[in-house]
Amino acid sequence: MKTKPTSEKVLSKIIHRGRGSVFFSSEFLSIGKPEAVRQTLSRLTKSGTIQRIGSSLYYYPAINDKLGGKLPPSANTVAEAIAKRTNSKIMPTGALAANLLGLSTQVPAKRTYLTDGPSRNMPVGSYMFSFRHVSPRRMAVKNHISSLVFEALRFFKRENIAETMVPRLQESLPNKAKSQLVRDSRYAPFWMRALLDQIATGRP
């Protein structure tokens, strides 16, 4: 049986991952020699099949079904690809967490994530991705929504939390997430726990 050339293997793997995926060139080294992989990715970039969006970082563009044309990569997908490279967990923090919860309309140019992996800054397109290493306790919350709420409230700080924020979270969070918020409150700073109870139960 004839073995497929590296170029076909690389393209097949990219297509299998699906449009909108982000990946590093190192992810293909198990299916071909480094130079063959590099040349294949270079050809696919020149043909417009994929886009190079950072150092050894590529994007298989998603397509806008209604308007046509290529969509930019999801910032979260880029962050997850960077984390995967170092086998790390990440968690949005600061202004990014507040924006994702709808507590702020500001889309931060610097997207900051907490991580159990190495600290680093990495520019991708018009964004700067910042990963900040923190203790395992800070990363202990496994529920994504609970993590976002904790980090958003930390960002605003107790003295700056507006009266509208608790009702807004009460309305936007699903009941399952509110129940999990109560269970995860043991990981939150003490000053935050009364707010979490208000968000989850609706009690003043």
Protein backbone atom coordinates (compact mmCIF):
# COMPACT_ATOMS: atom_id res chain seq x y z
CA MET A 1 0.00 0.00 0.00
CA LYS A 2 1.41 3.35 -1.05
CA THR A 3 2.08 5.83 1.77
CA LYS A 4 0.48 9.25 1.43
CA PRO A 5 2.92 12.16 1.05
CA THR A 6 3.35 14.53 3.98
CA SER A 7 1.49 17.31 2.16
CA GLU A 8 -1.68 15.19 1.91
CA LYS A 9 -1.43 14.10 5.55
CA VAL A 10 -1.06 17.69 6.75
CA LEU A 11 -3.99 18.95 4.66
CA SER A 12 -6.15 16.02 5.71
CA LYS A 13 -5.46 16.73 9.39
CA ILE A 14 -6.26 20.43 8.97
CA ILE A 15 -9.56 19.67 7.20
CA HIS A 16 -10.44 17.09 9.85
CA ARG A 17 -9.96 19.68 12.61
CA GLY A 18 -12.48 21.91 10.86
CA ARG A 19 -12.74 25.55 9.90
CA GLY A 20 -12.06 28.00 12.70
CA SER A 21 -9.29 25.85 14.19
CA VAL A 22 -5.95 27.30 15.29
CA PHE A 23 -2.79 25.22 15.47
CA PHE A 24 0.99 25.29 15.78
CA SER A 25 3.24 23.77 13.12
CA SER A 26 4.73 21.45 15.77
CA GLU A 27 1.43 19.55 15.90
CA PHE A 28 2.24 17.99 12.51
CA LEU A 29 5.77 16.76 13.22
CA SER A 30 4.52 13.24 13.99
CA ILE A 31 3.34 12.79 10.39
CA GLY A 32 6.35 14.02 8.44
CA LYS A 33 9.84 15.47 8.45
CA PRO A 34 10.08 19.05 9.78
CA GLU A 35 11.16 20.53 6.45
CA ALA A 36 8.33 18.79 4.57
CA VAL A 37 5.81 20.05 7.13
CA ARG A 38 7.22 23.58 6.92
CA GLN A 39 7.04 23.61 3.12
CA THR A 40 3.47 22.27 3.13
CA LEU A 41 2.27 24.91 5.58
CA SER A 42 4.05 27.59 3.56
CA ARG A 43 2.31 26.47 0.34
CA LEU A 44 -1.09 26.31 2.04
CA THR A 45 -0.53 29.83 3.41
CA LYS A 46 0.42 31.22 0.00
CA SER A 47 -2.65 29.62 -1.59
CA GLY A 48 -4.90 31.16 1.06
CA THR A 49 -6.08 27.80 2.44
CA ILE A 50 -4.70 28.73 5.87
CA GLN A 51 -3.42 31.95 7.44
CA ARG A 52 -0.27 32.50 9.46
CA ILE A 53 -1.34 34.54 12.50
CA GLY A 54 1.76 34.30 14.71
CA SER A 55 5.13 32.66 15.09
CA SER A 56 4.54 29.07 13.90
CA LEU A 57 0.82 29.65 14.57
CA TYR A 58 -1.78 29.07 11.85
CA TYR A 59 -5.52 29.47 11.33
CA TYR A 60 -7.89 27.50 9.10
CA PRO A 61 -10.40 30.29 8.36
CA ALA A 62 -14.06 29.99 9.21
CA ILE A 63 -16.42 31.28 6.50
CA ASN A 64 -19.34 33.66 6.99
CA ASP A 65 -22.21 31.61 5.54
CA LYS A 66 -24.49 34.60 4.95
CA LEU A 67 -22.08 37.23 3.67
CA GLY A 68 -19.24 35.09 2.43
CA GLY A 69 -15.63 35.91 3.18
CA LYS A 70 -13.34 34.71 5.93
CA LEU A 71 -13.94 35.38 9.61
CA PRO A 72 -11.10 36.29 11.98
CA PRO A 73 -10.00 33.63 14.47
CA SER A 74 -11.79 33.40 17.80
CA ALA A 75 -9.57 34.91 20.50
CA ASN A 76 -10.52 32.09 22.87
CA THR A 77 -9.55 29.48 20.27
CA VAL A 78 -6.16 31.17 19.88
CA ALA A 79 -5.67 31.20 23.66
CA GLU A 80 -6.61 27.51 23.94
CA ALA A 81 -4.13 26.60 21.19
CA ILE A 82 -1.34 28.46 22.99
CA ALA A 83 -2.24 26.72 26.27
CA LYS A 84 -2.37 23.31 24.58
CA ARG A 85 1.20 23.77 23.35
CA THR A 86 2.45 23.89 26.96
CA ASN A 87 -0.17 21.41 28.27
CA SER A 88 -1.59 24.15 30.50
CA LYS A 89 -4.99 25.16 31.83
CA ILE A 90 -6.11 28.75 31.34
CA MET A 91 -8.80 31.01 32.77
CA PRO A 92 -9.88 34.48 31.55
CA THR A 93 -9.30 37.21 34.12
CA GLY A 94 -9.62 40.96 34.59
CA ALA A 95 -11.44 43.04 32.00
CA LEU A 96 -11.76 40.00 29.72
CA ALA A 97 -13.76 38.04 32.32
CA ALA A 98 -16.00 41.08 32.92
CA ASN A 99 -16.62 41.44 29.18
CA LEU A 100 -17.44 37.77 28.68
CA LEU A 101 -20.07 38.00 31.44
CA GLY A 102 -21.62 41.13 29.94
CA LEU A 103 -20.60 43.30 32.90
CA SER A 104 -18.51 45.52 30.64
CA THR A 105 -18.78 46.48 26.98
CA GLN A 106 -15.05 47.12 26.79
CA VAL A 107 -13.20 44.56 24.66
CA PRO A 108 -9.65 44.63 26.03
CA ALA A 109 -6.83 44.79 23.49
CA LYS A 110 -4.74 42.84 25.99
CA ARG A 111 -6.43 39.54 26.72
CA THR A 112 -5.22 38.26 30.08
CA TYR A 113 -5.49 34.67 31.27
CA LEU A 114 -4.42 32.96 34.47
CA THR A 115 -2.57 29.70 33.93
CA ASP A 116 -0.89 26.84 35.74
CA GLY A 117 1.72 26.91 32.97
CA PRO A 118 4.50 29.40 32.23
CA SER A 119 3.93 33.17 32.18
CA ARG A 120 4.30 34.70 28.74
CA ASN A 121 3.05 37.43 26.41
CA MET A 122 2.27 36.63 22.79
CA PRO A 123 1.05 39.05 20.09
CA VAL A 124 -1.44 37.61 17.62
CA GLY A 125 -2.86 39.98 15.03
CA SER A 126 -4.16 43.11 16.76
CA TYR A 127 -4.32 41.43 20.16
CA MET A 128 -1.78 40.77 22.87
CA PHE A 129 -2.32 37.54 24.79
CA SER A 130 -0.94 37.61 28.30
CA PHE A 131 -0.67 34.44 30.40
CA ARG A 132 0.08 34.88 34.10
CA HIS A 133 1.15 31.92 36.21
CA VAL A 134 -0.75 31.64 39.50
CA SER A 135 -0.98 29.17 42.39
CA PRO A 136 -2.96 25.92 42.01
CA ARG A 137 -5.60 27.26 44.46
CA ARG A 138 -6.42 30.15 42.12
CA MET A 139 -6.97 27.60 39.35
CA ALA A 140 -8.87 25.11 41.52
CA VAL A 141 -12.36 26.08 40.30
CA LYS A 142 -13.24 23.73 37.45
CA ASN A 143 -16.56 25.31 36.48
CA HIS A 144 -16.01 27.88 33.71
CA ILE A 145 -18.83 30.24 34.70
CA SER A 146 -17.88 30.24 38.39
CA SER A 147 -14.31 31.10 37.41
CA LEU A 148 -15.48 33.99 35.24
CA VAL A 149 -17.66 35.40 38.04
CA PHE A 150 -14.84 35.20 40.60
CA GLU A 151 -12.36 36.88 38.29
CA ALA A 152 -14.78 39.60 37.16
CA LEU A 153 -15.64 40.52 40.77
CA ARG A 154 -11.93 40.55 41.64
CA PHE A 155 -11.37 42.90 38.71
CA PHE A 156 -13.96 45.44 39.87
CA LYS A 157 -12.98 45.01 43.58
CA ARG A 158 -15.47 45.11 46.44
CA GLU A 159 -15.66 48.91 46.64
CA ASN A 160 -16.34 49.34 42.90
CA ILE A 161 -19.03 46.72 42.33
CA ALA A 162 -22.08 48.56 41.00
CA GLU A 163 -25.57 47.82 42.33
CA THR A 164 -26.64 46.72 38.85
CA MET A 165 -24.04 43.95 38.58
CA VAL A 166 -25.68 41.46 40.94
CA PRO A 167 -29.15 41.73 39.28
CA ARG A 168 -27.52 41.47 35.87
CA LEU A 169 -25.79 38.22 36.82
CA GLN A 170 -28.98 36.94 38.49
CA GLU A 171 -30.78 37.42 35.19
CA SER A 172 -28.10 36.18 32.80
CA LEU A 173 -26.74 33.09 34.58
CA PRO A 174 -28.63 29.80 34.12
CA ASN A 175 -29.98 28.14 37.28
CA LYS A 176 -27.47 25.29 37.02
CA ALA A 177 -24.59 27.79 37.01
CA LYS A 178 -26.04 29.59 40.04
CA SER A 179 -26.23 26.34 42.00
CA GLN A 180 -22.63 25.56 41.07
CA LEU A 181 -21.63 29.07 42.14
CA VAL A 182 -22.75 28.29 45.69
CA ARG A 183 -20.79 25.03 45.74
CA ASP A 184 -17.68 26.76 44.39
CA SER A 185 -17.89 29.72 46.78
CA ARG A 186 -15.44 28.01 49.15
CA TYR A 187 -12.71 28.92 46.65
CA ALA A 188 -13.69 32.61 46.61
CA PRO A 189 -12.30 35.35 48.88
CA PHE A 190 -14.38 35.77 52.04
CA TRP A 191 -15.65 39.25 51.05
CA MET A 192 -17.10 37.85 47.83
CA ARG A 193 -19.22 35.06 49.33
CA ALA A 194 -22.22 37.19 50.33
CA LEU A 195 -22.37 38.56 46.77
CA LEU A 196 -22.22 35.05 45.33
CA ASP A 197 -25.10 34.01 47.58
CA GLN A 198 -27.14 36.99 46.37
CA ILE A 199 -26.43 36.12 42.74
CA ALA A 200 -27.38 32.46 43.26
CA THR A 201 -30.47 32.88 45.46
CA GLY A 202 -31.82 36.34 44.67
CA ARG A 203 -31.86 37.20 48.36
CA PRO A 204 -30.72 40.76 49.31
